[in-house]
N, C-alpha and C. Protein backbone atom coordinates (compact mmCIF):
# COMPACT_ATOMS: atom_id res chain seq x y z
N MET A 1 94.70 88.77 92.57
CA MET A 1 94.86 90.17 92.81
C MET A 1 94.63 90.90 91.51
N GLN A 2 93.76 91.89 91.52
CA GLN A 2 93.44 92.68 90.32
C GLN A 2 94.40 93.87 90.22
N ILE A 3 95.09 93.96 89.10
CA ILE A 3 95.94 95.10 88.81
C ILE A 3 95.21 95.93 87.77
N PRO A 4 94.86 97.19 88.11
CA PRO A 4 94.07 97.99 87.18
C PRO A 4 94.87 98.46 85.97
N THR A 5 94.17 98.77 84.93
CA THR A 5 94.78 99.36 83.74
C THR A 5 95.12 100.81 84.06
N HIS A 6 96.28 101.24 83.59
CA HIS A 6 96.72 102.59 83.84
C HIS A 6 96.65 103.37 82.52
N SER A 7 95.74 104.32 82.45
CA SER A 7 95.55 105.09 81.20
C SER A 7 96.72 106.07 81.00
N ASP A 8 96.96 106.37 79.74
CA ASP A 8 97.99 107.36 79.42
C ASP A 8 97.64 108.70 80.03
N GLU A 9 96.34 109.04 80.11
CA GLU A 9 95.92 110.31 80.70
C GLU A 9 96.25 110.36 82.19
N ALA A 10 96.00 109.25 82.90
CA ALA A 10 96.30 109.19 84.34
C ALA A 10 97.81 109.30 84.55
N LYS A 11 98.59 108.64 83.69
CA LYS A 11 100.05 108.71 83.82
C LYS A 11 100.54 110.14 83.58
N ALA A 12 99.97 110.81 82.59
CA ALA A 12 100.38 112.20 82.29
C ALA A 12 100.00 113.11 83.44
N ALA A 13 98.79 112.94 84.01
CA ALA A 13 98.38 113.75 85.13
C ALA A 13 99.28 113.53 86.33
N PHE A 14 99.69 112.29 86.56
CA PHE A 14 100.61 111.98 87.65
C PHE A 14 101.93 112.69 87.43
N ARG A 15 102.48 112.60 86.22
CA ARG A 15 103.75 113.26 85.93
C ARG A 15 103.67 114.76 86.17
N ASP A 16 102.49 115.36 85.88
CA ASP A 16 102.29 116.79 86.09
C ASP A 16 102.32 117.15 87.59
N LEU A 17 101.95 116.20 88.45
CA LEU A 17 101.95 116.44 89.90
C LEU A 17 103.36 116.44 90.49
N VAL A 18 104.26 115.72 89.86
CA VAL A 18 105.62 115.57 90.39
C VAL A 18 106.46 116.72 89.93
N ARG A 19 106.81 117.56 90.87
CA ARG A 19 107.64 118.72 90.54
C ARG A 19 109.10 118.33 90.48
N PRO A 20 109.85 118.88 89.52
CA PRO A 20 111.26 118.56 89.41
C PRO A 20 112.02 118.97 90.66
N GLY A 21 113.06 118.26 90.97
CA GLY A 21 113.91 118.57 92.12
C GLY A 21 115.16 117.74 92.08
N PRO A 22 116.10 118.03 92.97
CA PRO A 22 117.30 117.22 93.02
C PRO A 22 116.98 115.76 93.28
N ASP A 23 117.57 114.90 92.48
CA ASP A 23 117.45 113.45 92.64
C ASP A 23 116.02 112.94 92.54
N VAL A 24 115.12 113.69 91.91
CA VAL A 24 113.73 113.27 91.70
C VAL A 24 113.62 112.69 90.28
N GLU A 25 112.95 111.54 90.20
CA GLU A 25 112.69 110.97 88.87
C GLU A 25 111.38 110.22 88.92
N VAL A 26 110.72 110.18 87.75
CA VAL A 26 109.51 109.41 87.55
C VAL A 26 109.91 108.24 86.66
N LYS A 27 109.60 107.01 87.15
CA LYS A 27 109.98 105.82 86.42
C LYS A 27 108.79 104.90 86.23
N PRO A 28 108.80 104.12 85.14
CA PRO A 28 107.75 103.13 84.94
C PRO A 28 107.85 102.03 86.00
N MET A 29 106.67 101.57 86.45
CA MET A 29 106.60 100.47 87.42
C MET A 29 105.38 99.64 87.18
N PHE A 30 105.54 98.38 86.84
CA PHE A 30 104.43 97.44 86.71
C PHE A 30 103.30 98.00 85.82
N GLY A 31 103.67 98.63 84.71
CA GLY A 31 102.66 99.16 83.81
C GLY A 31 102.15 100.52 84.21
N SER A 32 102.65 101.06 85.30
CA SER A 32 102.24 102.37 85.80
C SER A 32 103.47 103.24 85.96
N VAL A 33 103.42 104.20 86.88
CA VAL A 33 104.55 105.09 87.12
C VAL A 33 104.68 105.34 88.65
N GLY A 34 105.91 105.62 89.04
CA GLY A 34 106.17 105.97 90.43
C GLY A 34 107.16 107.12 90.46
N ALA A 35 107.09 107.92 91.52
CA ALA A 35 108.01 109.05 91.71
C ALA A 35 109.01 108.65 92.80
N PHE A 36 110.27 108.91 92.54
CA PHE A 36 111.35 108.51 93.42
C PHE A 36 112.25 109.71 93.74
N VAL A 37 112.77 109.72 94.96
CA VAL A 37 113.81 110.67 95.33
C VAL A 37 114.94 109.87 95.95
N ASN A 38 116.14 110.09 95.47
CA ASN A 38 117.31 109.32 95.92
C ASN A 38 117.07 107.80 95.81
N GLY A 39 116.26 107.39 94.84
CA GLY A 39 116.00 105.98 94.62
C GLY A 39 114.87 105.40 95.48
N ASN A 40 114.30 106.18 96.38
CA ASN A 40 113.20 105.75 97.24
C ASN A 40 111.87 106.28 96.72
N MET A 41 110.89 105.40 96.59
CA MET A 41 109.59 105.79 96.06
C MET A 41 108.79 106.59 97.09
N TYR A 42 108.21 107.72 96.65
CA TYR A 42 107.40 108.53 97.55
C TYR A 42 105.97 108.76 97.04
N ALA A 43 105.72 108.49 95.77
CA ALA A 43 104.36 108.66 95.23
C ALA A 43 104.20 107.65 94.08
N GLY A 44 102.98 107.23 93.86
CA GLY A 44 102.74 106.29 92.80
C GLY A 44 101.32 106.36 92.28
N LEU A 45 101.10 105.66 91.21
CA LEU A 45 99.79 105.63 90.55
C LEU A 45 99.33 104.17 90.54
N PHE A 46 98.10 103.95 90.98
CA PHE A 46 97.49 102.62 90.95
C PHE A 46 96.08 102.82 90.36
N GLY A 47 95.91 102.42 89.11
CA GLY A 47 94.67 102.76 88.40
C GLY A 47 94.64 104.28 88.23
N ASP A 48 93.60 104.90 88.74
CA ASP A 48 93.52 106.37 88.72
C ASP A 48 93.90 106.98 90.05
N ASP A 49 94.21 106.13 91.04
CA ASP A 49 94.55 106.62 92.38
C ASP A 49 95.99 107.05 92.49
N VAL A 50 96.22 108.22 93.05
CA VAL A 50 97.57 108.67 93.36
C VAL A 50 97.77 108.39 94.84
N GLY A 51 98.86 107.72 95.15
CA GLY A 51 99.18 107.39 96.54
C GLY A 51 100.50 108.04 96.93
N VAL A 52 100.63 108.36 98.22
CA VAL A 52 101.83 108.96 98.75
C VAL A 52 102.25 108.24 100.03
N LYS A 53 103.55 108.23 100.28
CA LYS A 53 104.10 107.64 101.50
C LYS A 53 104.46 108.77 102.44
N LEU A 54 103.89 108.73 103.64
CA LEU A 54 104.06 109.82 104.61
C LEU A 54 104.43 109.28 105.98
N ASP A 55 104.83 110.20 106.86
CA ASP A 55 105.05 109.83 108.25
C ASP A 55 103.71 109.61 108.92
N ASP A 56 103.70 109.13 110.15
CA ASP A 56 102.44 108.79 110.83
C ASP A 56 101.50 109.98 110.93
N ALA A 57 102.02 111.16 111.27
CA ALA A 57 101.18 112.35 111.39
C ALA A 57 100.57 112.73 110.06
N GLY A 58 101.36 112.68 109.00
CA GLY A 58 100.86 113.00 107.67
C GLY A 58 99.82 112.02 107.21
N LEU A 59 100.04 110.72 107.48
CA LEU A 59 99.06 109.72 107.13
C LEU A 59 97.74 109.94 107.83
N ALA A 60 97.81 110.25 109.12
CA ALA A 60 96.58 110.50 109.88
C ALA A 60 95.83 111.69 109.33
N GLU A 61 96.56 112.73 108.97
CA GLU A 61 95.95 113.95 108.41
C GLU A 61 95.29 113.66 107.07
N LEU A 62 96.01 112.94 106.20
CA LEU A 62 95.48 112.61 104.87
C LEU A 62 94.30 111.67 104.97
N ARG A 63 94.40 110.66 105.83
CA ARG A 63 93.30 109.68 105.95
C ARG A 63 92.04 110.30 106.55
N ALA A 64 92.17 111.44 107.21
CA ALA A 64 90.99 112.12 107.78
C ALA A 64 90.20 112.86 106.71
N LEU A 65 90.80 113.05 105.52
CA LEU A 65 90.10 113.75 104.43
C LEU A 65 89.11 112.81 103.78
N PRO A 66 87.87 113.28 103.52
CA PRO A 66 86.89 112.44 102.83
C PRO A 66 87.44 112.05 101.46
N GLY A 67 87.32 110.79 101.12
CA GLY A 67 87.76 110.30 99.81
C GLY A 67 89.16 109.69 99.81
N SER A 68 89.88 109.87 100.92
CA SER A 68 91.19 109.23 101.03
C SER A 68 90.99 107.78 101.43
N GLY A 69 91.97 106.97 101.16
CA GLY A 69 91.84 105.57 101.53
C GLY A 69 93.16 104.86 101.38
N PRO A 70 93.13 103.54 101.46
CA PRO A 70 94.35 102.76 101.29
C PRO A 70 94.84 102.90 99.85
N PHE A 71 96.11 102.54 99.65
CA PHE A 71 96.71 102.63 98.34
C PHE A 71 97.25 101.27 97.94
N GLY A 72 96.96 100.87 96.73
CA GLY A 72 97.41 99.58 96.20
C GLY A 72 96.26 98.62 96.08
N PRO A 73 96.59 97.35 95.84
CA PRO A 73 95.54 96.34 95.67
C PRO A 73 94.70 96.22 96.94
N ALA A 74 93.39 96.06 96.77
CA ALA A 74 92.48 95.94 97.92
C ALA A 74 92.89 94.78 98.81
N GLU A 75 93.41 93.70 98.19
CA GLU A 75 93.79 92.52 98.96
C GLU A 75 95.06 92.74 99.77
N ARG A 76 95.86 93.72 99.35
CA ARG A 76 97.16 93.92 100.00
C ARG A 76 97.59 95.38 99.85
N PRO A 77 96.93 96.33 100.55
CA PRO A 77 97.33 97.74 100.42
C PRO A 77 98.73 97.95 100.97
N MET A 78 99.37 98.98 100.47
CA MET A 78 100.74 99.27 100.87
C MET A 78 100.77 99.96 102.23
N GLY A 79 101.56 99.44 103.15
CA GLY A 79 101.70 100.03 104.48
C GLY A 79 102.44 101.36 104.43
N GLY A 80 101.96 102.34 105.19
CA GLY A 80 102.60 103.65 105.21
C GLY A 80 102.17 104.55 104.09
N TRP A 81 101.22 104.10 103.29
CA TRP A 81 100.77 104.84 102.11
C TRP A 81 99.26 105.15 102.27
N ALA A 82 98.83 106.21 101.60
CA ALA A 82 97.40 106.54 101.51
C ALA A 82 97.16 107.14 100.15
N SER A 83 95.95 106.98 99.63
CA SER A 83 95.58 107.57 98.35
C SER A 83 95.00 108.95 98.58
N LEU A 84 95.22 109.81 97.59
CA LEU A 84 94.68 111.16 97.64
C LEU A 84 93.23 111.15 97.20
N PRO A 85 92.37 111.95 97.87
CA PRO A 85 90.98 112.05 97.41
C PRO A 85 90.96 112.55 95.96
N ALA A 86 90.11 111.93 95.15
CA ALA A 86 90.04 112.27 93.73
C ALA A 86 89.54 113.69 93.50
N ASP A 87 88.79 114.25 94.43
CA ASP A 87 88.20 115.58 94.22
C ASP A 87 89.11 116.73 94.73
N LEU A 88 90.32 116.43 95.19
CA LEU A 88 91.23 117.49 95.57
C LEU A 88 91.65 118.28 94.32
N GLY A 89 91.86 119.57 94.49
CA GLY A 89 92.38 120.40 93.38
C GLY A 89 93.83 120.01 93.07
N GLU A 90 94.30 120.39 91.91
CA GLU A 90 95.63 120.04 91.47
C GLU A 90 96.72 120.59 92.39
N GLU A 91 96.53 121.81 92.90
CA GLU A 91 97.54 122.38 93.82
C GLU A 91 97.59 121.61 95.12
N GLU A 92 96.44 121.21 95.63
CA GLU A 92 96.39 120.43 96.86
C GLU A 92 97.04 119.07 96.65
N ARG A 93 96.75 118.47 95.53
CA ARG A 93 97.34 117.14 95.23
C ARG A 93 98.87 117.27 95.10
N ALA A 94 99.31 118.31 94.40
CA ALA A 94 100.75 118.53 94.25
C ALA A 94 101.42 118.79 95.60
N ALA A 95 100.70 119.49 96.50
CA ALA A 95 101.25 119.77 97.82
C ALA A 95 101.45 118.47 98.64
N TRP A 96 100.50 117.54 98.52
CA TRP A 96 100.64 116.25 99.21
C TRP A 96 101.80 115.47 98.64
N VAL A 97 101.96 115.48 97.32
CA VAL A 97 103.07 114.78 96.67
C VAL A 97 104.39 115.39 97.11
N GLU A 98 104.48 116.71 97.20
CA GLU A 98 105.69 117.37 97.68
C GLU A 98 105.97 117.03 99.14
N ARG A 99 104.95 116.99 99.93
CA ARG A 99 105.10 116.63 101.36
C ARG A 99 105.68 115.21 101.46
N ALA A 100 105.20 114.29 100.65
CA ALA A 100 105.73 112.93 100.65
C ALA A 100 107.18 112.94 100.19
N ARG A 101 107.49 113.71 99.16
CA ARG A 101 108.88 113.80 98.67
C ARG A 101 109.79 114.30 99.78
N ASP A 102 109.38 115.36 100.46
CA ASP A 102 110.20 115.92 101.54
C ASP A 102 110.43 114.92 102.64
N HIS A 103 109.41 114.14 102.95
CA HIS A 103 109.54 113.10 103.99
C HIS A 103 110.52 112.01 103.55
N ILE A 104 110.37 111.50 102.38
CA ILE A 104 111.20 110.39 101.89
C ILE A 104 112.61 110.85 101.56
N ALA A 105 112.80 112.12 101.21
CA ALA A 105 114.13 112.65 100.91
C ALA A 105 115.04 112.60 102.12
N ARG A 106 114.48 112.49 103.32
CA ARG A 106 115.30 112.41 104.52
C ARG A 106 115.89 111.00 104.74
N LEU A 107 115.40 110.01 103.99
CA LEU A 107 115.93 108.67 104.10
C LEU A 107 117.28 108.57 103.37
N PRO A 108 118.10 107.62 103.76
CA PRO A 108 119.35 107.44 103.03
C PRO A 108 119.07 107.00 101.59
N PRO A 109 119.93 107.39 100.68
CA PRO A 109 119.71 106.98 99.27
C PRO A 109 119.66 105.46 99.16
N LYS A 110 118.83 105.01 98.26
CA LYS A 110 118.71 103.57 98.00
C LYS A 110 119.98 103.11 97.29
N VAL A 111 120.56 102.04 97.79
CA VAL A 111 121.77 101.48 97.18
C VAL A 111 121.35 100.38 96.22
N ARG A 112 121.75 100.54 94.98
CA ARG A 112 121.40 99.54 93.95
C ARG A 112 122.22 98.29 94.15
N LYS A 113 121.58 97.17 94.05
CA LYS A 113 122.28 95.89 94.16
C LYS A 113 123.07 95.65 92.89
N ALA A 114 124.28 95.10 93.08
CA ALA A 114 125.13 94.80 91.93
C ALA A 114 124.49 93.67 91.13
N LYS A 115 124.55 93.77 89.81
CA LYS A 115 124.04 92.71 88.95
C LYS A 115 125.05 91.57 88.93
N THR A 116 124.53 90.37 89.03
CA THR A 116 125.42 89.22 89.00
C THR A 116 125.28 88.43 87.73
């Protein structure tokens, strides 16, 4: 499985897409970054691709856009996720990231496992 290199520029652009909000944080993940709300991931970076986790209707809408596609390794894309088309404007990209945040914010907070 090929894991792409994540440039500092791509990570900075991703951080710019994630708008601050209650219980929102951007954390490092596997050499890249992910956006979380209440401990649940709603957006991530894989190479230069920004991916979002959406409900079925949102996924269908996003996947209908030219340039959208699966998110994650080609051999094993992440279920329930889609990548944003690279040619979307920053406001459109930020709107998709916010839509994913709003969807995932409805889930119960992630409970951290106790360290043993």
